[in-house]
Amino acid sequence: DGDTVIVSPAAPVRPGDGVVVKTRDGELLTRRLLRDT
């Protein structure tokens, strides 16, 4: 609580990174990418 995260749309995303995700149905998620199959 109180932290500010800086998000870069241009930065490459790799497993282990924290990410912000927008789904096609409009949901905004903050997660950690485990695996890209």
PDB file of all heavy atoms in Angstrom:
ATOM      1  N   ASP A   1       0.841  -1.187   0.000  1.00  0.00           N
ATOM      2  CA  ASP A   1       0.000   0.000   0.000  1.00  0.00           C
ATOM      3  C   ASP A   1       0.885   1.249   0.000  1.00  0.00           C
ATOM      4  O   ASP A   1       1.788   1.380   0.836  1.00  0.00           O
ATOM      5  CB  ASP A   1      -0.909  -0.011   1.228  1.00  0.00           C
ATOM      6  CG  ASP A   1      -1.805   1.217   1.301  1.00  0.00           C
ATOM      7  OD1 ASP A   1      -2.588   1.429   0.369  1.00  0.00           O
ATOM      8  OD2 ASP A   1      -1.692   1.982   2.285  1.00  0.00           O
ATOM      9  N   GLY A   2       0.657   2.150  -0.935  1.00  0.00           N
ATOM     10  CA  GLY A   2       1.449   3.364  -1.043  1.00  0.00           C
ATOM     11  C   GLY A   2       2.562   3.308  -2.057  1.00  0.00           C
ATOM     12  O   GLY A   2       3.127   4.346  -2.408  1.00  0.00           O
ATOM     13  N   ASP A   3       2.904   2.116  -2.548  1.00  0.00           N
ATOM     14  CA  ASP A   3       3.914   2.004  -3.597  1.00  0.00           C
ATOM     15  C   ASP A   3       3.400   2.589  -4.908  1.00  0.00           C
ATOM     16  O   ASP A   3       2.190   2.657  -5.157  1.00  0.00           O
ATOM     17  CB  ASP A   3       4.300   0.544  -3.837  1.00  0.00           C
ATOM     18  CG  ASP A   3       5.193  -0.019  -2.747  1.00  0.00           C
ATOM     19  OD1 ASP A   3       5.629   0.748  -1.876  1.00  0.00           O
ATOM     20  OD2 ASP A   3       5.442  -1.242  -2.780  1.00  0.00           O
ATOM     21  N   THR A   4       4.329   2.985  -5.761  1.00  0.00           N
ATOM     22  CA  THR A   4       4.010   3.410  -7.126  1.00  0.00           C
ATOM     23  C   THR A   4       4.817   2.552  -8.077  1.00  0.00           C
ATOM     24  O   THR A   4       6.048   2.525  -7.995  1.00  0.00           O
ATOM     25  CB  THR A   4       4.354   4.893  -7.346  1.00  0.00           C
ATOM     26  OG1 THR A   4       3.598   5.697  -6.447  1.00  0.00           O
ATOM     27  CG2 THR A   4       4.038   5.315  -8.779  1.00  0.00           C
ATOM     28  N   VAL A   5       4.140   1.827  -8.962  1.00  0.00           N
ATOM     29  CA  VAL A   5       4.858   1.000  -9.934  1.00  0.00           C
ATOM     30  C   VAL A   5       4.932   1.747 -11.257  1.00  0.00           C
ATOM     31  O   VAL A   5       3.986   2.411 -11.670  1.00  0.00           O
ATOM     32  CB  VAL A   5       4.196  -0.385 -10.123  1.00  0.00           C
ATOM     33  CG1 VAL A   5       4.238  -1.175  -8.830  1.00  0.00           C
ATOM     34  CG2 VAL A   5       2.767  -0.270 -10.621  1.00  0.00           C
ATOM     35  N   ILE A   6       6.086   1.645 -11.900  1.00  0.00           N
ATOM     36  CA  ILE A   6       6.310   2.287 -13.192  1.00  0.00           C
ATOM     37  C   ILE A   6       6.199   1.218 -14.263  1.00  0.00           C
ATOM     38  O   ILE A   6       6.865   0.176 -14.200  1.00  0.00           O
ATOM     39  CB  ILE A   6       7.693   2.959 -13.258  1.00  0.00           C
ATOM     40  CG1 ILE A   6       7.944   3.798 -11.999  1.00  0.00           C
ATOM     41  CG2 ILE A   6       7.797   3.806 -14.523  1.00  0.00           C
ATOM     42  CD1 ILE A   6       6.886   4.835 -11.697  1.00  0.00           C
ATOM     43  N   VAL A   7       5.362   1.471 -15.256  1.00  0.00           N
ATOM     44  CA  VAL A   7       5.045   0.486 -16.284  1.00  0.00           C
ATOM     45  C   VAL A   7       5.519   1.007 -17.636  1.00  0.00           C
ATOM     46  O   VAL A   7       5.283   2.171 -17.981  1.00  0.00           O
ATOM     47  CB  VAL A   7       3.531   0.205 -16.335  1.00  0.00           C
ATOM     48  CG1 VAL A   7       3.210  -0.891 -17.350  1.00  0.00           C
ATOM     49  CG2 VAL A   7       3.009  -0.169 -14.945  1.00  0.00           C
ATOM     50  N   SER A   8       6.192   0.143 -18.405  1.00  0.00           N
ATOM     51  CA  SER A   8       6.714   0.524 -19.708  1.00  0.00           C
ATOM     52  C   SER A   8       6.097  -0.345 -20.799  1.00  0.00           C
ATOM     53  O   SER A   8       6.417  -1.533 -20.899  1.00  0.00           O
ATOM     54  CB  SER A   8       8.235   0.378 -19.744  1.00  0.00           C
ATOM     55  OG  SER A   8       8.725   0.551 -21.059  1.00  0.00           O
ATOM     56  N   PRO A   9       5.218   0.209 -21.635  1.00  0.00           N
ATOM     57  CA  PRO A   9       4.664  -0.572 -22.756  1.00  0.00           C
ATOM     58  C   PRO A   9       5.720  -1.027 -23.754  1.00  0.00           C
ATOM     59  O   PRO A   9       5.512  -2.006 -24.472  1.00  0.00           O
ATOM     60  CB  PRO A   9       3.671   0.404 -23.408  1.00  0.00           C
ATOM     61  CG  PRO A   9       3.321   1.374 -22.326  1.00  0.00           C
ATOM     62  CD  PRO A   9       4.579   1.530 -21.520  1.00  0.00           C
ATOM     63  N   ALA A  10       6.866  -0.326 -23.812  1.00  0.00           N
ATOM     64  CA  ALA A  10       7.894  -0.664 -24.801  1.00  0.00           C
ATOM     65  C   ALA A  10       8.873  -1.724 -24.309  1.00  0.00           C
ATOM     66  O   ALA A  10       9.605  -2.304 -25.115  1.00  0.00           O
ATOM     67  CB  ALA A  10       8.678   0.595 -25.186  1.00  0.00           C
ATOM     68  N   ALA A  11       8.899  -1.983 -23.014  1.00  0.00           N
ATOM     69  CA  ALA A  11       9.890  -2.917 -22.473  1.00  0.00           C
ATOM     70  C   ALA A  11       9.528  -4.362 -22.835  1.00  0.00           C
ATOM     71  O   ALA A  11       8.358  -4.751 -22.769  1.00  0.00           O
ATOM     72  CB  ALA A  11       9.973  -2.776 -20.956  1.00  0.00           C
ATOM     73  N   PRO A  12      10.510  -5.184 -23.216  1.00  0.00           N
ATOM     74  CA  PRO A  12      10.227  -6.595 -23.497  1.00  0.00           C
ATOM     75  C   PRO A  12       9.775  -7.309 -22.230  1.00  0.00           C
ATOM     76  O   PRO A  12      10.275  -7.027 -21.135  1.00  0.00           O
ATOM     77  CB  PRO A  12      11.572  -7.135 -23.998  1.00  0.00           C
ATOM     78  CG  PRO A  12      12.593  -6.193 -23.435  1.00  0.00           C
ATOM     79  CD  PRO A  12      11.940  -4.845 -23.369  1.00  0.00           C
ATOM     80  N   VAL A  13       8.816  -8.216 -22.381  1.00  0.00           N
ATOM     81  CA  VAL A  13       8.271  -8.962 -21.247  1.00  0.00           C
ATOM     82  C   VAL A  13       8.858 -10.361 -21.238  1.00  0.00           C
ATOM     83  O   VAL A  13       8.859 -11.055 -22.264  1.00  0.00           O
ATOM     84  CB  VAL A  13       6.730  -9.024 -21.323  1.00  0.00           C
ATOM     85  CG1 VAL A  13       6.179  -9.862 -20.182  1.00  0.00           C
ATOM     86  CG2 VAL A  13       6.142  -7.618 -21.289  1.00  0.00           C
ATOM     87  N   ARG A  14       9.353 -10.770 -20.075  1.00  0.00           N
ATOM     88  CA  ARG A  14       9.976 -12.088 -19.931  1.00  0.00           C
ATOM     89  C   ARG A  14       9.367 -12.808 -18.744  1.00  0.00           C
ATOM     90  O   ARG A  14       8.854 -12.164 -17.828  1.00  0.00           O
ATOM     91  CB  ARG A  14      11.487 -11.924 -19.716  1.00  0.00           C
ATOM     92  CG  ARG A  14      12.202 -11.185 -20.829  1.00  0.00           C
ATOM     93  CD  ARG A  14      13.507 -10.598 -20.360  1.00  0.00           C
ATOM     94  NE  ARG A  14      13.300  -9.608 -19.303  1.00  0.00           N
ATOM     95  CZ  ARG A  14      14.223  -8.745 -18.889  1.00  0.00           C
ATOM     96  NH1 ARG A  14      15.419  -8.765 -19.443  1.00  0.00           N
ATOM     97  NH2 ARG A  14      13.975  -7.878 -17.922  1.00  0.00           N
ATOM     98  N   PRO A  15       9.415 -14.133 -18.720  1.00  0.00           N
ATOM     99  CA  PRO A  15       8.935 -14.870 -17.548  1.00  0.00           C
ATOM    100  C   PRO A  15       9.616 -14.376 -16.277  1.00  0.00           C
ATOM    101  O   PRO A  15      10.815 -14.143 -16.242  1.00  0.00           O
ATOM    102  CB  PRO A  15       9.310 -16.319 -17.873  1.00  0.00           C
ATOM    103  CG  PRO A  15       9.292 -16.376 -19.366  1.00  0.00           C
ATOM    104  CD  PRO A  15       9.829 -15.046 -19.815  1.00  0.00           C
ATOM    105  N   GLY A  16       8.820 -14.197 -15.254  1.00  0.00           N
ATOM    106  CA  GLY A  16       9.300 -13.670 -13.991  1.00  0.00           C
ATOM    107  C   GLY A  16       8.984 -12.198 -13.805  1.00  0.00           C
ATOM    108  O   GLY A  16       9.031 -11.686 -12.683  1.00  0.00           O
ATOM    109  N   ASP A  17       8.655 -11.482 -14.893  1.00  0.00           N
ATOM    110  CA  ASP A  17       8.349 -10.064 -14.802  1.00  0.00           C
ATOM    111  C   ASP A  17       6.964  -9.830 -14.214  1.00  0.00           C
ATOM    112  O   ASP A  17       6.024 -10.589 -14.466  1.00  0.00           O
ATOM    113  CB  ASP A  17       8.391  -9.402 -16.188  1.00  0.00           C
ATOM    114  CG  ASP A  17       9.793  -9.257 -16.727  1.00  0.00           C
ATOM    115  OD1 ASP A  17      10.739  -9.247 -15.930  1.00  0.00           O
ATOM    116  OD2 ASP A  17       9.937  -9.145 -17.966  1.00  0.00           O
ATOM    117  N   GLY A  18       6.843  -8.735 -13.467  1.00  0.00           N
ATOM    118  CA  GLY A  18       5.526  -8.226 -13.127  1.00  0.00           C
ATOM    119  C   GLY A  18       4.937  -7.541 -14.347  1.00  0.00           C
ATOM    120  O   GLY A  18       5.652  -6.852 -15.084  1.00  0.00           O
ATOM    121  N   VAL A  19       3.641  -7.738 -14.575  1.00  0.00           N
ATOM    122  CA  VAL A  19       3.017  -7.209 -15.778  1.00  0.00           C
ATOM    123  C   VAL A  19       1.643  -6.623 -15.468  1.00  0.00           C
ATOM    124  O   VAL A  19       0.995  -7.000 -14.489  1.00  0.00           O
ATOM    125  CB  VAL A  19       2.869  -8.284 -16.884  1.00  0.00           C
ATOM    126  CG1 VAL A  19       4.223  -8.712 -17.408  1.00  0.00           C
ATOM    127  CG2 VAL A  19       2.079  -9.487 -16.379  1.00  0.00           C
ATOM    128  N   VAL A  20       1.241  -5.701 -16.318  1.00  0.00           N
ATOM    129  CA  VAL A  20      -0.129  -5.208 -16.353  1.00  0.00           C
ATOM    130  C   VAL A  20      -0.749  -5.733 -17.641  1.00  0.00           C
ATOM    131  O   VAL A  20      -0.154  -5.594 -18.717  1.00  0.00           O
ATOM    132  CB  VAL A  20      -0.176  -3.673 -16.312  1.00  0.00           C
ATOM    133  CG1 VAL A  20      -1.614  -3.180 -16.385  1.00  0.00           C
ATOM    134  CG2 VAL A  20       0.498  -3.150 -15.044  1.00  0.00           C
ATOM    135  N   VAL A  21      -1.906  -6.358 -17.527  1.00  0.00           N
ATOM    136  CA  VAL A  21      -2.533  -7.034 -18.664  1.00  0.00           C
ATOM    137  C   VAL A  21      -3.940  -6.488 -18.862  1.00  0.00           C
ATOM    138  O   VAL A  21      -4.701  -6.339 -17.896  1.00  0.00           O
ATOM    139  CB  VAL A  21      -2.612  -8.557 -18.416  1.00  0.00           C
ATOM    140  CG1 VAL A  21      -3.349  -9.250 -19.565  1.00  0.00           C
ATOM    141  CG2 VAL A  21      -1.224  -9.142 -18.241  1.00  0.00           C
ATOM    142  N   LYS A  22      -4.269  -6.184 -20.094  1.00  0.00           N
ATOM    143  CA  LYS A  22      -5.635  -5.803 -20.463  1.00  0.00           C
ATOM    144  C   LYS A  22      -6.221  -6.921 -21.314  1.00  0.00           C
ATOM    145  O   LYS A  22      -5.664  -7.282 -22.351  1.00  0.00           O
ATOM    146  CB  LYS A  22      -5.624  -4.497 -21.260  1.00  0.00           C
ATOM    147  CG  LYS A  22      -7.010  -3.950 -21.569  1.00  0.00           C
ATOM    148  CD  LYS A  22      -7.593  -3.230 -20.381  1.00  0.00           C
ATOM    149  CE  LYS A  22      -8.825  -2.417 -20.774  1.00  0.00           C
ATOM    150  NZ  LYS A  22      -9.325  -1.617 -19.647  1.00  0.00           N
ATOM    151  N   THR A  23      -7.327  -7.494 -20.874  1.00  0.00           N
ATOM    152  CA  THR A  23      -7.946  -8.586 -21.616  1.00  0.00           C
ATOM    153  C   THR A  23      -8.918  -8.027 -22.652  1.00  0.00           C
ATOM    154  O   THR A  23      -9.328  -6.865 -22.601  1.00  0.00           O
ATOM    155  CB  THR A  23      -8.691  -9.531 -20.677  1.00  0.00           C
ATOM    156  OG1 THR A  23      -9.801  -8.834 -20.088  1.00  0.00           O
ATOM    157  CG2 THR A  23      -7.772 -10.043 -19.575  1.00  0.00           C
ATOM    158  N   ARG A  24      -9.303  -8.869 -23.578  1.00  0.00           N
ATOM    159  CA  ARG A  24     -10.230  -8.451 -24.630  1.00  0.00           C
ATOM    160  C   ARG A  24     -11.590  -8.055 -24.080  1.00  0.00           C
ATOM    161  O   ARG A  24     -12.309  -7.251 -24.686  1.00  0.00           O
ATOM    162  CB  ARG A  24     -10.403  -9.577 -25.648  1.00  0.00           C
ATOM    163  CG  ARG A  24      -9.155  -9.894 -26.463  1.00  0.00           C
ATOM    164  CD  ARG A  24      -8.852  -8.819 -27.467  1.00  0.00           C
ATOM    165  NE  ARG A  24      -7.630  -9.105 -28.218  1.00  0.00           N
ATOM    166  CZ  ARG A  24      -7.050  -8.231 -29.041  1.00  0.00           C
ATOM    167  NH1 ARG A  24      -7.576  -7.033 -29.214  1.00  0.00           N
ATOM    168  NH2 ARG A  24      -5.937  -8.552 -29.667  1.00  0.00           N
ATOM    169  N   ASP A  25     -11.954  -8.623 -22.917  1.00  0.00           N
ATOM    170  CA  ASP A  25     -13.254  -8.275 -22.329  1.00  0.00           C
ATOM    171  C   ASP A  25     -13.176  -7.074 -21.399  1.00  0.00           C
ATOM    172  O   ASP A  25     -14.127  -6.744 -20.685  1.00  0.00           O
ATOM    173  CB  ASP A  25     -13.873  -9.470 -21.601  1.00  0.00           C
ATOM    174  CG  ASP A  25     -13.011  -9.976 -20.456  1.00  0.00           C
ATOM    175  OD1 ASP A  25     -12.025  -9.305 -20.119  1.00  0.00           O
ATOM    176  OD2 ASP A  25     -13.334 -11.047 -19.910  1.00  0.00           O
ATOM    177  N   GLY A  26     -12.001  -6.387 -21.374  1.00  0.00           N
ATOM    178  CA  GLY A  26     -11.879  -5.125 -20.658  1.00  0.00           C
ATOM    179  C   GLY A  26     -11.335  -5.211 -19.253  1.00  0.00           C
ATOM    180  O   GLY A  26     -11.199  -4.188 -18.581  1.00  0.00           O
ATOM    181  N   GLU A  27     -10.966  -6.402 -18.778  1.00  0.00           N
ATOM    182  CA  GLU A  27     -10.449  -6.538 -17.423  1.00  0.00           C
ATOM    183  C   GLU A  27      -8.980  -6.121 -17.377  1.00  0.00           C
ATOM    184  O   GLU A  27      -8.195  -6.460 -18.263  1.00  0.00           O
ATOM    185  CB  GLU A  27     -10.593  -7.985 -16.954  1.00  0.00           C
ATOM    186  CG  GLU A  27     -10.266  -8.193 -15.486  1.00  0.00           C
ATOM    187  CD  GLU A  27     -10.503  -9.617 -15.027  1.00  0.00           C
ATOM    188  OE1 GLU A  27     -10.781 -10.483 -15.895  1.00  0.00           O
ATOM    189  OE2 GLU A  27     -10.422  -9.856 -13.807  1.00  0.00           O
ATOM    190  N   LEU A  28      -8.608  -5.383 -16.336  1.00  0.00           N
ATOM    191  CA  LEU A  28      -7.215  -4.979 -16.136  1.00  0.00           C
ATOM    192  C   LEU A  28      -6.636  -5.813 -14.998  1.00  0.00           C
ATOM    193  O   LEU A  28      -7.159  -5.818 -13.886  1.00  0.00           O
ATOM    194  CB  LEU A  28      -7.123  -3.491 -15.798  1.00  0.00           C
ATOM    195  CG  LEU A  28      -5.706  -2.911 -15.776  1.00  0.00           C
ATOM    196  CD1 LEU A  28      -5.165  -2.771 -17.187  1.00  0.00           C
ATOM    197  CD2 LEU A  28      -5.686  -1.555 -15.065  1.00  0.00           C
ATOM    198  N   LEU A  29      -5.544  -6.525 -15.273  1.00  0.00           N
ATOM    199  CA  LEU A  29      -4.940  -7.428 -14.308  1.00  0.00           C
ATOM    200  C   LEU A  29      -3.514  -6.997 -14.003  1.00  0.00           C
ATOM    201  O   LEU A  29      -2.803  -6.522 -14.893  1.00  0.00           O
ATOM    202  CB  LEU A  29      -4.910  -8.865 -14.848  1.00  0.00           C
ATOM    203  CG  LEU A  29      -6.232  -9.476 -15.330  1.00  0.00           C
ATOM    204  CD1 LEU A  29      -5.963 -10.800 -16.033  1.00  0.00           C
ATOM    205  CD2 LEU A  29      -7.175  -9.669 -14.152  1.00  0.00           C
ATOM    206  N   THR A  30      -3.090  -7.171 -12.766  1.00  0.00           N
ATOM    207  CA  THR A  30      -1.680  -7.034 -12.396  1.00  0.00           C
ATOM    208  C   THR A  30      -1.230  -8.398 -11.906  1.00  0.00           C
ATOM    209  O   THR A  30      -1.769  -8.938 -10.942  1.00  0.00           O
ATOM    210  CB  THR A  30      -1.490  -5.970 -11.302  1.00  0.00           C
ATOM    211  OG1 THR A  30      -2.359  -6.235 -10.204  1.00  0.00           O
ATOM    212  CG2 THR A  30      -1.761  -4.582 -11.849  1.00  0.00           C
ATOM    213  N   ARG A  31      -0.232  -8.963 -12.580  1.00  0.00           N
ATOM    214  CA  ARG A  31       0.197 -10.327 -12.299  1.00  0.00           C
ATOM    215  C   ARG A  31       1.699 -10.447 -12.518  1.00  0.00           C
ATOM    216  O   ARG A  31       2.372  -9.511 -12.932  1.00  0.00           O
ATOM    217  CB  ARG A  31      -0.521 -11.324 -13.234  1.00  0.00           C
ATOM    218  CG  ARG A  31      -2.035 -11.441 -13.048  1.00  0.00           C
ATOM    219  CD  ARG A  31      -2.376 -12.166 -11.760  1.00  0.00           C
ATOM    220  NE  ARG A  31      -3.785 -12.542 -11.687  1.00  0.00           N
ATOM    221  CZ  ARG A  31      -4.748 -11.747 -11.281  1.00  0.00           C
ATOM    222  NH1 ARG A  31      -4.476 -10.499 -10.954  1.00  0.00           N
ATOM    223  NH2 ARG A  31      -6.004 -12.180 -11.216  1.00  0.00           N
ATOM    224  N   ARG A  32       2.206 -11.645 -12.283  1.00  0.00           N
ATOM    225  CA  ARG A  32       3.582 -11.993 -12.623  1.00  0.00           C
ATOM    226  C   ARG A  32       3.530 -13.059 -13.703  1.00  0.00           C
ATOM    227  O   ARG A  32       2.824 -14.057 -13.566  1.00  0.00           O
ATOM    228  CB  ARG A  32       4.324 -12.521 -11.394  1.00  0.00           C
ATOM    229  CG  ARG A  32       5.797 -12.811 -11.648  1.00  0.00           C
ATOM    230  CD  ARG A  32       6.549 -13.009 -10.339  1.00  0.00           C
ATOM    231  NE  ARG A  32       6.005 -14.104  -9.561  1.00  0.00           N
ATOM    232  CZ  ARG A  32       6.367 -15.383  -9.689  1.00  0.00           C
ATOM    233  NH1 ARG A  32       7.274 -15.719 -10.604  1.00  0.00           N
ATOM    234  NH2 ARG A  32       5.842 -16.319  -8.950  1.00  0.00           N
ATOM    235  N   LEU A  33       4.250 -12.823 -14.802  1.00  0.00           N
ATOM    236  CA  LEU A  33       4.253 -13.777 -15.906  1.00  0.00           C
ATOM    237  C   LEU A  33       5.104 -14.985 -15.526  1.00  0.00           C
ATOM    238  O   LEU A  33       6.306 -14.864 -15.326  1.00  0.00           O
ATOM    239  CB  LEU A  33       4.794 -13.119 -17.180  1.00  0.00           C
ATOM    240  CG  LEU A  33       4.922 -14.050 -18.396  1.00  0.00           C
ATOM    241  CD1 LEU A  33       3.569 -14.597 -18.816  1.00  0.00           C
ATOM    242  CD2 LEU A  33       5.594 -13.313 -19.549  1.00  0.00           C
ATOM    243  N   LEU A  34       4.459 -16.137 -15.441  1.00  0.00           N
ATOM    244  CA  LEU A  34       5.181 -17.364 -15.146  1.00  0.00           C
ATOM    245  C   LEU A  34       5.727 -18.022 -16.398  1.00  0.00           C
ATOM    246  O   LEU A  34       6.883 -18.441 -16.456  1.00  0.00           O
ATOM    247  CB  LEU A  34       4.262 -18.360 -14.421  1.00  0.00           C
ATOM    248  CG  LEU A  34       3.961 -18.125 -12.948  1.00  0.00           C
ATOM    249  CD1 LEU A  34       3.086 -19.263 -12.425  1.00  0.00           C
ATOM    250  CD2 LEU A  34       5.231 -18.019 -12.138  1.00  0.00           C
ATOM    251  N   ARG A  35       4.863 -18.102 -17.427  1.00  0.00           N
ATOM    252  CA  ARG A  35       5.232 -18.889 -18.608  1.00  0.00           C
ATOM    253  C   ARG A  35       4.443 -18.419 -19.817  1.00  0.00           C
ATOM    254  O   ARG A  35       3.258 -18.109 -19.716  1.00  0.00           O
ATOM    255  CB  ARG A  35       4.948 -20.368 -18.332  1.00  0.00           C
ATOM    256  CG  ARG A  35       5.438 -21.333 -19.397  1.00  0.00           C
ATOM    257  CD  ARG A  35       5.407 -22.765 -18.862  1.00  0.00           C
ATOM    258  NE  ARG A  35       5.698 -23.731 -19.895  1.00  0.00           N
ATOM    259  CZ  ARG A  35       4.834 -24.636 -20.365  1.00  0.00           C
ATOM    260  NH1 ARG A  35       3.617 -24.711 -19.862  1.00  0.00           N
ATOM    261  NH2 ARG A  35       5.191 -25.482 -21.297  1.00  0.00           N
ATOM    262  N   ASP A  36       5.142 -18.369 -20.941  1.00  0.00           N
ATOM    263  CA  ASP A  36       4.529 -18.077 -22.239  1.00  0.00           C
ATOM    264  C   ASP A  36       4.694 -19.316 -23.111  1.00  0.00           C
ATOM    265  O   ASP A  36       5.806 -19.650 -23.519  1.00  0.00           O
ATOM    266  CB  ASP A  36       5.204 -16.862 -22.870  1.00  0.00           C
ATOM    267  CG  ASP A  36       4.675 -16.544 -24.268  1.00  0.00           C
ATOM    268  OD1 ASP A  36       3.740 -17.223 -24.735  1.00  0.00           O
ATOM    269  OD2 ASP A  36       5.219 -15.606 -24.894  1.00  0.00           O
ATOM    270  N   THR A  37       3.582 -19.997 -23.375  1.00  0.00           N
ATOM    271  CA  THR A  37       3.657 -21.225 -24.165  1.00  0.00           C
ATOM    272  C   THR A  37       3.522 -20.967 -25.657  1.00  0.00           C
ATOM    273  O   THR A  37       3.648 -21.894 -26.458  1.00  0.00           O
ATOM    274  CB  THR A  37       2.555 -22.208 -23.743  1.00  0.00           C
ATOM    275  OG1 THR A  37       1.271 -21.689 -24.134  1.00  0.00           O
ATOM    276  CG2 THR A  37       2.572 -22.439 -22.241  1.00  0.00           C
TER     277      THR A  37
END
